Amino acid sequence: MDETILPHDTRDPGRQVFDITDDEIKEWVDALLAKTDNVVLLFDCCHSASATRQVGAPTVPTAART
């Protein structure tokens, strides 16, 4: 099942779909990771689910975020 993000201009009058799938984001990140270890993704979303969070990835305690 694909998950998508919907850019502001995700639909046009011709009813074309411009959603960005999680698979597309993975391809872009993989291409970047082939060139550098420094990749940052910033999602300004009301609900981004897990975005690219990995199980077991280091987290910042809530108290340290303030």
N, C-alpha and C. Protein backbone atom coordinates (compact mmCIF):
# COMPACT_ATOMS: atom_id res chain seq x y z
N MET A 1 0.84 -1.17 0.00
CA MET A 1 0.00 0.00 0.00
C MET A 1 0.89 1.24 0.00
N ASP A 2 0.61 2.16 -0.89
CA ASP A 2 1.36 3.41 -0.94
C ASP A 2 0.75 4.43 0.01
N GLU A 3 1.65 5.17 0.65
CA GLU A 3 1.24 6.34 1.41
C GLU A 3 1.77 7.54 0.64
N THR A 4 1.06 8.65 0.70
CA THR A 4 1.47 9.81 -0.08
C THR A 4 1.43 11.07 0.76
N ILE A 5 2.18 12.07 0.30
CA ILE A 5 2.00 13.41 0.81
C ILE A 5 1.39 14.21 -0.33
N LEU A 6 0.61 15.20 0.04
CA LEU A 6 -0.13 15.96 -0.95
C LEU A 6 0.35 17.40 -0.96
N PRO A 7 1.15 17.77 -1.95
CA PRO A 7 1.56 19.17 -2.04
C PRO A 7 0.35 20.07 -2.25
N HIS A 8 0.52 21.34 -1.93
CA HIS A 8 -0.58 22.31 -2.07
C HIS A 8 -1.20 22.26 -3.47
N ASP A 9 -0.37 22.10 -4.49
CA ASP A 9 -0.86 22.08 -5.87
C ASP A 9 -1.03 20.65 -6.39
N THR A 10 -1.51 19.78 -5.52
CA THR A 10 -1.58 18.36 -5.84
C THR A 10 -2.60 18.00 -6.92
N ARG A 11 -3.56 18.86 -7.18
CA ARG A 11 -4.55 18.60 -8.22
C ARG A 11 -4.61 19.79 -9.18
N ASP A 12 -4.81 19.51 -10.42
CA ASP A 12 -5.00 20.59 -11.39
C ASP A 12 -6.37 20.43 -12.04
N PRO A 13 -6.80 21.43 -12.82
CA PRO A 13 -8.13 21.33 -13.45
C PRO A 13 -8.29 20.11 -14.35
N GLY A 14 -7.19 19.60 -14.90
CA GLY A 14 -7.26 18.41 -15.74
C GLY A 14 -7.34 17.13 -14.96
N ARG A 15 -7.41 17.24 -13.61
CA ARG A 15 -7.55 16.09 -12.70
C ARG A 15 -6.31 15.21 -12.67
N GLN A 16 -5.15 15.77 -13.05
CA GLN A 16 -3.91 15.01 -12.91
C GLN A 16 -3.56 14.94 -11.43
N VAL A 17 -2.88 13.88 -11.05
CA VAL A 17 -2.51 13.68 -9.65
C VAL A 17 -1.02 13.91 -9.49
N PHE A 18 -0.67 14.75 -8.52
CA PHE A 18 0.74 15.05 -8.27
C PHE A 18 1.15 14.65 -6.86
N ASP A 19 0.48 13.67 -6.28
CA ASP A 19 0.87 13.17 -4.96
C ASP A 19 2.30 12.64 -5.04
N ILE A 20 3.00 12.69 -3.91
CA ILE A 20 4.36 12.14 -3.83
C ILE A 20 4.28 10.90 -2.96
N THR A 21 4.63 9.75 -3.52
CA THR A 21 4.51 8.49 -2.78
C THR A 21 5.72 8.27 -1.89
N ASP A 22 5.51 7.43 -0.88
CA ASP A 22 6.60 7.07 0.01
C ASP A 22 7.72 6.37 -0.76
N ASP A 23 7.36 5.64 -1.80
CA ASP A 23 8.37 4.96 -2.62
C ASP A 23 9.25 5.97 -3.37
N GLU A 24 8.64 7.07 -3.84
CA GLU A 24 9.42 8.12 -4.51
C GLU A 24 10.39 8.78 -3.53
N ILE A 25 9.90 9.07 -2.33
CA ILE A 25 10.77 9.69 -1.33
C ILE A 25 11.93 8.76 -1.00
N LYS A 26 11.64 7.46 -0.87
CA LYS A 26 12.72 6.49 -0.59
C LYS A 26 13.76 6.50 -1.70
N GLU A 27 13.32 6.55 -2.95
CA GLU A 27 14.27 6.59 -4.07
C GLU A 27 15.15 7.83 -4.00
N TRP A 28 14.54 8.99 -3.70
CA TRP A 28 15.31 10.23 -3.61
C TRP A 28 16.32 10.17 -2.47
N VAL A 29 15.88 9.64 -1.32
CA VAL A 29 16.78 9.53 -0.17
C VAL A 29 17.91 8.55 -0.46
N ASP A 30 17.59 7.42 -1.07
CA ASP A 30 18.63 6.45 -1.43
C ASP A 30 19.66 7.06 -2.38
N ALA A 31 19.20 7.86 -3.35
CA ALA A 31 20.13 8.51 -4.28
C ALA A 31 21.03 9.50 -3.54
N LEU A 32 20.46 10.23 -2.59
CA LEU A 32 21.27 11.17 -1.81
C LEU A 32 22.26 10.43 -0.92
N LEU A 33 21.81 9.33 -0.29
CA LEU A 33 22.68 8.57 0.60
C LEU A 33 23.85 7.92 -0.15
N ALA A 34 23.70 7.73 -1.44
CA ALA A 34 24.80 7.19 -2.24
C ALA A 34 25.91 8.23 -2.38
N LYS A 35 25.58 9.50 -2.12
CA LYS A 35 26.56 10.59 -2.27
C LYS A 35 27.02 11.18 -0.95
N THR A 36 26.18 11.06 0.10
CA THR A 36 26.51 11.68 1.39
C THR A 36 25.79 10.94 2.51
N ASP A 37 26.36 11.05 3.70
CA ASP A 37 25.70 10.48 4.88
C ASP A 37 24.81 11.50 5.56
N ASN A 38 24.83 12.74 5.08
CA ASN A 38 24.10 13.82 5.73
C ASN A 38 22.84 14.16 4.93
N VAL A 39 21.74 13.55 5.33
CA VAL A 39 20.46 13.80 4.67
C VAL A 39 19.45 14.17 5.76
N VAL A 40 18.79 15.29 5.59
CA VAL A 40 17.77 15.74 6.53
C VAL A 40 16.46 15.92 5.77
N LEU A 41 15.40 15.36 6.31
CA LEU A 41 14.07 15.53 5.73
C LEU A 41 13.24 16.34 6.71
N LEU A 42 12.57 17.35 6.21
CA LEU A 42 11.70 18.17 7.04
C LEU A 42 10.31 18.16 6.42
N PHE A 43 9.35 17.65 7.17
CA PHE A 43 7.98 17.57 6.70
C PHE A 43 7.13 18.54 7.51
N ASP A 44 6.54 19.53 6.86
CA ASP A 44 5.63 20.46 7.50
C ASP A 44 4.22 19.96 7.23
N CYS A 45 3.79 19.02 8.06
CA CYS A 45 2.53 18.33 7.82
C CYS A 45 1.70 18.31 9.10
N CYS A 46 0.40 18.27 8.94
CA CYS A 46 -0.44 18.15 10.12
C CYS A 46 -0.42 16.71 10.65
N HIS A 47 -0.14 15.75 9.77
CA HIS A 47 -0.02 14.35 10.21
C HIS A 47 0.95 13.66 9.27
N SER A 48 2.14 13.40 9.75
CA SER A 48 3.15 12.77 8.89
C SER A 48 3.37 11.31 9.24
N ALA A 49 2.49 10.76 10.06
CA ALA A 49 2.61 9.36 10.47
C ALA A 49 4.01 9.10 10.96
N SER A 50 4.72 8.18 10.35
CA SER A 50 6.07 7.89 10.81
C SER A 50 7.12 8.54 9.94
N ALA A 51 6.72 9.19 8.84
CA ALA A 51 7.68 9.77 7.89
C ALA A 51 8.75 8.73 7.61
N THR A 52 9.99 8.95 8.03
CA THR A 52 11.02 7.95 7.78
C THR A 52 11.60 7.42 9.08
N ARG A 53 10.85 7.50 10.16
CA ARG A 53 11.32 7.04 11.46
C ARG A 53 11.64 5.55 11.39
N GLN A 54 12.74 5.17 12.01
CA GLN A 54 13.13 3.77 12.03
C GLN A 54 12.99 3.22 13.43
N VAL A 55 12.61 1.96 13.53
CA VAL A 55 12.55 1.31 14.82
C VAL A 55 13.96 1.25 15.39
N GLY A 56 14.09 1.66 16.63
CA GLY A 56 15.40 1.61 17.28
C GLY A 56 16.27 2.82 17.00
N ALA A 57 15.78 3.78 16.21
CA ALA A 57 16.57 4.98 15.94
C ALA A 57 16.68 5.79 17.22
N PRO A 58 17.82 6.48 17.41
CA PRO A 58 17.98 7.27 18.64
C PRO A 58 16.93 8.38 18.70
N THR A 59 16.44 8.65 19.90
CA THR A 59 15.44 9.70 20.08
C THR A 59 15.97 10.73 21.06
N VAL A 60 15.40 11.90 21.02
CA VAL A 60 15.75 12.97 21.95
C VAL A 60 14.68 13.01 23.03
N PRO A 61 15.07 12.91 24.31
CA PRO A 61 14.07 12.95 25.38
C PRO A 61 13.29 14.27 25.31
N THR A 62 12.03 14.21 25.69
CA THR A 62 11.15 15.38 25.64
C THR A 62 11.76 16.57 26.37
N ALA A 63 12.33 16.37 27.53
CA ALA A 63 12.90 17.44 28.33
C ALA A 63 14.03 18.16 27.59
N ALA A 64 14.75 17.47 26.72
CA ALA A 64 15.87 18.06 26.00
C ALA A 64 15.41 18.91 24.81
N ARG A 65 14.16 18.79 24.44
CA ARG A 65 13.64 19.51 23.28
C ARG A 65 13.28 20.97 23.58
N THR A 66 13.16 21.30 24.85
CA THR A 66 12.73 22.66 25.21
C THR A 66 13.87 23.64 25.20
